[in-house]
PDB file of N, CA and C in Angstrom:
ATOM      1  N   UNK A   1     -40.877-183.562 -57.437  1.00  0.00           N
ATOM      2  CA  UNK A   1     -41.603-184.622 -56.890  1.00  0.00           C
ATOM      3  C   UNK A   1     -42.267-183.821 -55.262  1.00  0.00           C
ATOM      4  N   UNK A   2     -43.411-184.190 -55.100  1.00  0.00           N
ATOM      5  CA  UNK A   2     -44.170-183.467 -54.060  1.00  0.00           C
ATOM      6  C   UNK A   2     -43.791-184.452 -52.677  1.00  0.00           C
ATOM      7  N   UNK A   3     -43.588-183.556 -51.677  1.00  0.00           N
ATOM      8  CA  UNK A   3     -43.807-184.353 -50.551  1.00  0.00           C
ATOM      9  C   UNK A   3     -44.184-183.671 -49.276  1.00  0.00           C
ATOM     10  N   UNK A   4     -44.717-184.167 -48.179  1.00  0.00           N
ATOM     11  CA  UNK A   4     -45.349-183.609 -46.980  1.00  0.00           C
ATOM     12  C   UNK A   4     -44.350-182.966 -46.203  1.00  0.00           C
ATOM     13  N   UNK A   5     -44.533-181.799 -45.848  1.00  0.00           N
ATOM     14  CA  UNK A   5     -43.696-181.071 -45.128  1.00  0.00           C
ATOM     15  C   UNK A   5     -44.563-180.147 -43.829  1.00  0.00           C
ATOM     16  N   UNK A   6     -43.938-179.546 -43.162  1.00  0.00           N
ATOM     17  CA  UNK A   6     -44.060-178.653 -41.956  1.00  0.00           C
ATOM     18  C   UNK A   6     -43.407-177.286 -42.099  1.00  0.00           C
ATOM     19  N   UNK A   7     -44.031-176.428 -41.610  1.00  0.00           N
ATOM     20  CA  UNK A   7     -43.186-175.107 -41.291  1.00  0.00           C
ATOM     21  C   UNK A   7     -43.143-175.026 -39.527  1.00  0.00           C
ATOM     22  N   UNK A   8     -42.073-175.022 -39.272  1.00  0.00           N
ATOM     23  CA  UNK A   8     -41.944-174.594 -37.653  1.00  0.00           C
ATOM     24  C   UNK A   8     -42.811-173.095 -37.508  1.00  0.00           C
ATOM     25  N   UNK A   9     -43.607-172.914 -36.547  1.00  0.00           N
ATOM     26  CA  UNK A   9     -43.990-171.672 -36.220  1.00  0.00           C
ATOM     27  C   UNK A   9     -42.932-170.591 -35.740  1.00  0.00           C
ATOM     28  N   UNK A  10     -42.083-171.265 -34.805  1.00  0.00           N
ATOM     29  CA  UNK A  10     -41.245-170.581 -34.300  1.00  0.00           C
ATOM     30  C   UNK A  10     -39.867-170.054 -35.031  1.00  0.00           C
ATOM     31  N   UNK A  11     -39.367-170.789 -35.888  1.00  0.00           N
ATOM     32  CA  UNK A  11     -38.241-170.351 -36.969  1.00  0.00           C
ATOM     33  C   UNK A  11     -38.517-170.383 -38.173  1.00  0.00           C
ATOM     34  N   UNK A  12     -39.689-170.832 -38.449  1.00  0.00           N
ATOM     35  CA  UNK A  12     -40.131-170.613 -39.876  1.00  0.00           C
ATOM     36  C   UNK A  12     -39.282-171.333 -40.627  1.00  0.00           C
ATOM     37  N   UNK A  13     -38.597-172.486 -40.215  1.00  0.00           N
ATOM     38  CA  UNK A  13     -37.850-173.489 -41.100  1.00  0.00           C
ATOM     39  C   UNK A  13     -38.998-174.625 -41.416  1.00  0.00           C
ATOM     40  N   UNK A  14     -38.945-174.919 -43.032  1.00  0.00           N
ATOM     41  CA  UNK A  14     -39.949-175.985 -43.507  1.00  0.00           C
ATOM     42  C   UNK A  14     -38.894-177.437 -43.606  1.00  0.00           C
ATOM     43  N   UNK A  15     -39.641-178.077 -43.311  1.00  0.00           N
ATOM     44  CA  UNK A  15     -38.739-179.287 -43.099  1.00  0.00           C
ATOM     45  C   UNK A  15     -39.782-180.763 -43.460  1.00  0.00           C
ATOM     46  N   UNK A  16     -38.942-181.717 -44.100  1.00  0.00           N
ATOM     47  CA  UNK A  16     -39.907-182.971 -44.368  1.00  0.00           C
ATOM     48  C   UNK A  16     -38.815-184.328 -44.137  1.00  0.00           C
ATOM     49  N   UNK A  17     -39.312-185.345 -44.416  1.00  0.00           N
ATOM     50  CA  UNK A  17     -38.512-186.337 -44.231  1.00  0.00           C
ATOM     51  C   UNK A  17     -38.370-187.225 -45.421  1.00  0.00           C
ATOM     52  N   UNK A  18     -36.952-187.557 -45.874  1.00  0.00           N
ATOM     53  CA  UNK A  18     -36.821-188.066 -47.086  1.00  0.00           C
ATOM     54  C   UNK A  18     -36.881-189.671 -47.164  1.00  0.00           C
ATOM     55  N   UNK A  19     -37.029-190.464 -45.970  1.00  0.00           N
ATOM     56  CA  UNK A  19     -36.756-191.627 -45.955  1.00  0.00           C
ATOM     57  C   UNK A  19     -37.422-192.362 -44.643  1.00  0.00           C
ATOM     58  N   UNK A  20     -37.739-193.762 -44.526  1.00  0.00           N
ATOM     59  CA  UNK A  20     -38.561-194.401 -43.420  1.00  0.00           C
ATOM     60  C   UNK A  20     -37.946-193.919 -42.139  1.00  0.00           C
ATOM     61  N   UNK A  21     -36.652-193.811 -41.998  1.00  0.00           N
ATOM     62  CA  UNK A  21     -35.972-193.649 -40.453  1.00  0.00           C
ATOM     63  C   UNK A  21     -35.546-192.058 -40.546  1.00  0.00           C
ATOM     64  N   UNK A  22     -35.646-191.136 -41.363  1.00  0.00           N
ATOM     65  CA  UNK A  22     -35.139-189.645 -41.594  1.00  0.00           C
ATOM     66  C   UNK A  22     -36.093-188.927 -40.623  1.00  0.00           C
ATOM     67  N   UNK A  23     -35.354-188.807 -39.305  1.00  0.00           N
ATOM     68  CA  UNK A  23     -36.217-188.167 -37.943  1.00  0.00           C
ATOM     69  C   UNK A  23     -35.335-186.548 -38.411  1.00  0.00           C
ATOM     70  N   UNK A  24     -36.095-185.759 -38.873  1.00  0.00           N
ATOM     71  CA  UNK A  24     -35.630-184.423 -39.391  1.00  0.00           C
ATOM     72  C   UNK A  24     -36.212-183.352 -38.390  1.00  0.00           C
ATOM     73  N   UNK A  25     -35.250-182.480 -37.773  1.00  0.00           N
ATOM     74  CA  UNK A  25     -35.674-181.244 -37.088  1.00  0.00           C
ATOM     75  C   UNK A  25     -35.779-180.035 -37.542  1.00  0.00           C
ATOM     76  N   UNK A  26     -36.220-178.924 -37.227  1.00  0.00           N
ATOM     77  CA  UNK A  26     -35.971-177.873 -37.877  1.00  0.00           C
ATOM     78  C   UNK A  26     -35.169-177.263 -37.065  1.00  0.00           C
ATOM     79  N   UNK A  27     -34.554-175.837 -37.556  1.00  0.00           N
ATOM     80  CA  UNK A  27     -33.304-175.155 -37.068  1.00  0.00           C
ATOM     81  C   UNK A  27     -33.249-174.971 -35.656  1.00  0.00           C
ATOM     82  N   UNK A  28     -34.669-174.472 -34.733  1.00  0.00           N
ATOM     83  CA  UNK A  28     -34.685-174.166 -33.461  1.00  0.00           C
ATOM     84  C   UNK A  28     -34.745-175.680 -32.664  1.00  0.00           C
ATOM     85  N   UNK A  29     -35.029-176.737 -33.159  1.00  0.00           N
ATOM     86  CA  UNK A  29     -35.231-178.137 -32.731  1.00  0.00           C
ATOM     87  C   UNK A  29     -36.578-178.122 -31.899  1.00  0.00           C
ATOM     88  N   UNK A  30     -37.481-177.392 -32.269  1.00  0.00           N
ATOM     89  CA  UNK A  30     -39.051-177.488 -31.500  1.00  0.00           C
ATOM     90  C   UNK A  30     -39.955-178.368 -32.137  1.00  0.00           C
ATOM     91  N   UNK A  31     -39.513-178.505 -33.662  1.00  0.00           N
ATOM     92  CA  UNK A  31     -40.672-179.358 -34.264  1.00  0.00           C
ATOM     93  C   UNK A  31     -39.853-180.364 -35.310  1.00  0.00           C
ATOM     94  N   UNK A  32     -40.689-181.493 -35.534  1.00  0.00           N
ATOM     95  CA  UNK A  32     -39.800-182.783 -36.257  1.00  0.00           C
ATOM     96  C   UNK A  32     -40.631-183.439 -37.078  1.00  0.00           C
ATOM     97  N   UNK A  33     -40.195-184.087 -37.853  1.00  0.00           N
ATOM     98  CA  UNK A  33     -41.115-184.936 -39.054  1.00  0.00           C
ATOM     99  C   UNK A  33     -40.335-186.424 -38.948  1.00  0.00           C
ATOM    100  N   UNK A  34     -40.963-187.307 -39.351  1.00  0.00           N
ATOM    101  CA  UNK A  34     -40.337-188.676 -39.435  1.00  0.00           C
ATOM    102  C   UNK A  34     -41.254-189.602 -40.454  1.00  0.00           C
ATOM    103  N   UNK A  35     -40.585-190.501 -41.206  1.00  0.00           N
ATOM    104  CA  UNK A  35     -41.676-191.426 -41.913  1.00  0.00           C
ATOM    105  C   UNK A  35     -41.255-191.598 -43.497  1.00  0.00           C
ATOM    106  N   UNK A  36     -40.403-190.568 -43.842  1.00  0.00           N
ATOM    107  CA  UNK A  36     -40.288-190.356 -45.317  1.00  0.00           C
ATOM    108  C   UNK A  36     -41.744-190.360 -46.446  1.00  0.00           C
ATOM    109  N   UNK A  37     -41.621-191.823 -47.184  1.00  0.00           N
ATOM    110  CA  UNK A  37     -42.589-191.720 -47.984  1.00  0.00           C
ATOM    111  C   UNK A  37     -43.825-193.325 -47.033  1.00  0.00           C
ATOM    112  N   UNK A  38     -43.375-193.848 -46.353  1.00  0.00           N
ATOM    113  CA  UNK A  38     -43.964-194.643 -45.771  1.00  0.00           C
ATOM    114  C   UNK A  38     -45.231-194.441 -44.712  1.00  0.00           C
ATOM    115  N   UNK A  39     -44.759-193.289 -43.964  1.00  0.00           N
ATOM    116  CA  UNK A  39     -46.048-192.883 -42.934  1.00  0.00           C
ATOM    117  C   UNK A  39     -45.235-191.149 -42.777  1.00  0.00           C
ATOM    118  N   UNK A  40     -46.194-190.206 -42.136  1.00  0.00           N
ATOM    119  CA  UNK A  40     -45.840-189.049 -42.030  1.00  0.00           C
ATOM    120  C   UNK A  40     -46.057-188.945 -40.242  1.00  0.00           C
ATOM    121  N   UNK A  41     -45.053-188.461 -39.663  1.00  0.00           N
ATOM    122  CA  UNK A  41     -45.545-188.316 -38.335  1.00  0.00           C
ATOM    123  C   UNK A  41     -44.631-187.159 -37.821  1.00  0.00           C
ATOM    124  N   UNK A  42     -45.279-186.268 -36.966  1.00  0.00           N
ATOM    125  CA  UNK A  42     -44.532-184.855 -36.787  1.00  0.00           C
ATOM    126  C   UNK A  42     -45.026-184.763 -35.499  1.00  0.00           C
ATOM    127  N   UNK A  43     -44.089-183.930 -34.544  1.00  0.00           N
ATOM    128  CA  UNK A  43     -44.145-183.632 -33.274  1.00  0.00           C
ATOM    129  C   UNK A  43     -43.415-181.904 -33.384  1.00  0.00           C
ATOM    130  N   UNK A  44     -43.851-181.474 -32.095  1.00  0.00           N
ATOM    131  CA  UNK A  44     -43.826-180.143 -31.979  1.00  0.00           C
ATOM    132  C   UNK A  44     -43.562-179.514 -30.387  1.00  0.00           C
ATOM    133  N   UNK A  45     -42.995-178.936 -29.857  1.00  0.00           N
ATOM    134  CA  UNK A  45     -42.445-178.282 -28.663  1.00  0.00           C
ATOM    135  C   UNK A  45     -43.251-176.622 -28.578  1.00  0.00           C
ATOM    136  N   UNK A  46     -44.111-176.215 -29.564  1.00  0.00           N
ATOM    137  CA  UNK A  46     -44.420-174.862 -29.718  1.00  0.00           C
ATOM    138  C   UNK A  46     -46.205-174.783 -29.346  1.00  0.00           C
ATOM    139  N   UNK A  47     -46.463-173.482 -28.967  1.00  0.00           N
ATOM    140  CA  UNK A  47     -47.694-173.457 -28.580  1.00  0.00           C
ATOM    141  C   UNK A  47     -48.818-173.656 -29.696  1.00  0.00           C
ATOM    142  N   UNK A  48     -48.228-173.458 -30.912  1.00  0.00           N
ATOM    143  CA  UNK A  48     -49.076-173.451 -32.173  1.00  0.00           C
ATOM    144  C   UNK A  48     -48.689-174.753 -32.876  1.00  0.00           C
ATOM    145  N   UNK A  49     -49.577-175.250 -33.169  1.00  0.00           N
ATOM    146  CA  UNK A  49     -49.436-176.942 -34.078  1.00  0.00           C
ATOM    147  C   UNK A  49     -49.178-176.488 -35.280  1.00  0.00           C
ATOM    148  N   UNK A  50     -48.092-177.060 -35.821  1.00  0.00           N
ATOM    149  CA  UNK A  50     -47.597-176.907 -37.464  1.00  0.00           C
ATOM    150  C   UNK A  50     -48.538-177.466 -38.177  1.00  0.00           C
ATOM    151  N   UNK A  51     -49.058-176.820 -39.448  1.00  0.00           N
ATOM    152  CA  UNK A  51     -49.752-177.704 -40.033  1.00  0.00           C
ATOM    153  C   UNK A  51     -48.917-178.172 -41.468  1.00  0.00           C
ATOM    154  N   UNK A  52     -49.229-179.462 -42.043  1.00  0.00           N
ATOM    155  CA  UNK A  52     -48.545-180.243 -42.739  1.00  0.00           C
ATOM    156  C   UNK A  52     -49.100-179.660 -44.487  1.00  0.00           C
ATOM    157  N   UNK A  53     -48.426-179.485 -45.282  1.00  0.00           N
ATOM    158  CA  UNK A  53     -48.618-179.323 -46.566  1.00  0.00           C
ATOM    159  C   UNK A  53     -47.859-179.836 -47.832  1.00  0.00           C
ATOM    160  N   UNK A  54     -47.943-179.880 -48.925  1.00  0.00           N
ATOM    161  CA  UNK A  54     -47.376-180.443 -49.942  1.00  0.00           C
ATOM    162  C   UNK A  54     -46.398-179.317 -50.494  1.00  0.00           C
ATOM    163  N   UNK A  55     -45.198-179.775 -50.846  1.00  0.00           N
ATOM    164  CA  UNK A  55     -44.359-178.702 -51.446  1.00  0.00           C
ATOM    165  C   UNK A  55     -43.457-179.811 -52.508  1.00  0.00           C
ATOM    166  N   UNK A  56     -43.067-179.068 -53.309  1.00  0.00           N
ATOM    167  CA  UNK A  56     -42.148-179.411 -54.602  1.00  0.00           C
ATOM    168  C   UNK A  56     -41.064-179.477 -54.301  1.00  0.00           C
ATOM    169  N   UNK A  57     -40.151-180.482 -54.668  1.00  0.00           N
ATOM    170  CA  UNK A  57     -38.690-180.764 -54.466  1.00  0.00           C
ATOM    171  C   UNK A  57     -38.172-181.209 -55.668  1.00  0.00           C
ATOM    172  N   UNK A  58     -37.100-180.423 -56.054  1.00  0.00           N
ATOM    173  CA  UNK A  58     -36.463-181.016 -57.252  1.00  0.00           C
ATOM    174  C   UNK A  58     -35.566-182.067 -57.345  1.00  0.00           C
ATOM    175  N   UNK A  59     -35.988-183.287 -57.031  1.00  0.00           N
ATOM    176  CA  UNK A  59     -35.338-184.255 -56.900  1.00  0.00           C
ATOM    177  C   UNK A  59     -36.303-185.687 -56.738  1.00  0.00           C
ATOM    178  N   UNK A  60     -35.757-186.899 -57.165  1.00  0.00           N
ATOM    179  CA  UNK A  60     -36.671-188.211 -57.293  1.00  0.00           C
ATOM    180  C   UNK A  60     -36.562-188.923 -55.629  1.00  0.00           C
ATOM    181  N   UNK A  61     -37.377-189.743 -55.785  1.00  0.00           N
ATOM    182  CA  UNK A  61     -37.469-190.403 -54.493  1.00  0.00           C
ATOM    183  C   UNK A  61     -35.988-191.075 -54.132  1.00  0.00           C
ATOM    184  N   UNK A  62     -35.535-191.776 -55.158  1.00  0.00           N
ATOM    185  CA  UNK A  62     -34.179-192.389 -55.106  1.00  0.00           C
ATOM    186  C   UNK A  62     -33.097-191.393 -54.583  1.00  0.00           C
ATOM    187  N   UNK A  63     -33.263-190.124 -55.167  1.00  0.00           N
ATOM    188  CA  UNK A  63     -32.112-189.210 -55.002  1.00  0.00           C
ATOM    189  C   UNK A  63     -32.320-188.589 -53.527  1.00  0.00           C
ATOM    190  N   UNK A  64     -33.588-188.226 -52.974  1.00  0.00           N
ATOM    191  CA  UNK A  64     -33.950-188.298 -51.578  1.00  0.00           C
ATOM    192  C   UNK A  64     -33.221-189.015 -50.626  1.00  0.00           C
ATOM    193  N   UNK A  65     -33.540-190.652 -51.030  1.00  0.00           N
ATOM    194  CA  UNK A  65     -33.002-191.626 -50.096  1.00  0.00           C
ATOM    195  C   UNK A  65     -31.704-191.662 -49.955  1.00  0.00           C
ATOM    196  N   UNK A  66     -30.734-191.576 -51.187  1.00  0.00           N
ATOM    197  CA  UNK A  66     -29.424-191.528 -51.179  1.00  0.00           C
ATOM    198  C   UNK A  66     -28.820-190.441 -50.446  1.00  0.00           C
ATOM    199  N   UNK A  67     -29.603-189.128 -50.650  1.00  0.00           N
ATOM    200  CA  UNK A  67     -29.008-187.952 -49.737  1.00  0.00           C
ATOM    201  C   UNK A  67     -29.194-188.275 -48.138  1.00  0.00           C
ATOM    202  N   UNK A  68     -30.137-188.883 -47.873  1.00  0.00           N
ATOM    203  CA  UNK A  68     -30.396-188.978 -46.241  1.00  0.00           C
ATOM    204  C   UNK A  68     -29.138-190.183 -45.962  1.00  0.00           C
ATOM    205  N   UNK A  69     -29.284-191.566 -46.629  1.00  0.00           N
ATOM    206  CA  UNK A  69     -28.664-192.614 -46.405  1.00  0.00           C
ATOM    207  C   UNK A  69     -27.059-192.077 -46.358  1.00  0.00           C
ATOM    208  N   UNK A  70     -26.584-191.331 -47.084  1.00  0.00           N
ATOM    209  CA  UNK A  70     -24.961-190.812 -47.421  1.00  0.00           C
ATOM    210  C   UNK A  70     -24.773-189.794 -46.316  1.00  0.00           C
ATOM    211  N   UNK A  71     -25.739-188.969 -45.739  1.00  0.00           N
ATOM    212  CA  UNK A  71     -25.372-188.163 -44.651  1.00  0.00           C
ATOM    213  C   UNK A  71     -24.749-186.540 -45.655  1.00  0.00           C
ATOM    214  N   UNK A  72     -25.170-186.667 -46.681  1.00  0.00           N
ATOM    215  CA  UNK A  72     -25.145-185.433 -47.255  1.00  0.00           C
ATOM    216  C   UNK A  72     -25.844-184.124 -47.089  1.00  0.00           C
ATOM    217  N   UNK A  73     -27.045-184.446 -46.580  1.00  0.00           N
ATOM    218  CA  UNK A  73     -28.279-183.468 -46.332  1.00  0.00           C
ATOM    219  C   UNK A  73     -28.125-182.262 -47.201  1.00  0.00           C
ATOM    220  N   UNK A  74     -28.166-182.596 -48.405  1.00  0.00           N
ATOM    221  CA  UNK A  74     -28.634-181.487 -49.563  1.00  0.00           C
ATOM    222  C   UNK A  74     -30.213-181.108 -49.415  1.00  0.00           C
ATOM    223  N   UNK A  75     -31.006-182.208 -49.446  1.00  0.00           N
ATOM    224  CA  UNK A  75     -32.294-181.854 -49.295  1.00  0.00           C
ATOM    225  C   UNK A  75     -32.621-182.019 -47.759  1.00  0.00           C
ATOM    226  N   UNK A  76     -33.808-181.846 -47.460  1.00  0.00           N
ATOM    227  CA  UNK A  76     -34.761-182.178 -46.410  1.00  0.00           C
ATOM    228  C   UNK A  76     -35.014-180.853 -45.559  1.00  0.00           C
ATOM    229  N   UNK A  77     -34.615-179.624 -46.041  1.00  0.00           N
ATOM    230  CA  UNK A  77     -34.783-178.360 -45.276  1.00  0.00           C
ATOM    231  C   UNK A  77     -34.839-177.426 -46.514  1.00  0.00           C
ATOM    232  N   UNK A  78     -36.333-176.822 -46.444  1.00  0.00           N
ATOM    233  CA  UNK A  78     -36.649-176.017 -47.442  1.00  0.00           C
ATOM    234  C   UNK A  78     -36.296-174.495 -47.068  1.00  0.00           C
ATOM    235  N   UNK A  79     -35.564-173.532 -47.242  1.00  0.00           N
ATOM    236  CA  UNK A  79     -35.279-172.375 -46.769  1.00  0.00           C
ATOM    237  C   UNK A  79     -36.117-171.269 -47.383  1.00  0.00           C
TER     238      UNK A  79
END
């Protein structure tokens, strides 16, 4: 499934939001995303604005929601 993601210009972590209230931050904490499939919101504390792009994730929408809702965090960060 394709999801909208960003890559932090500082730590190079690629992150995306799995569910409506999944506020997800990069490893250094300077970039974040929120909104899941409902909307896409991002924030950054770096001098360079991250660009959003599509990334393929090997999971269904339901699996992503369960991953976020259960706190397992198997998905959400692309290394």
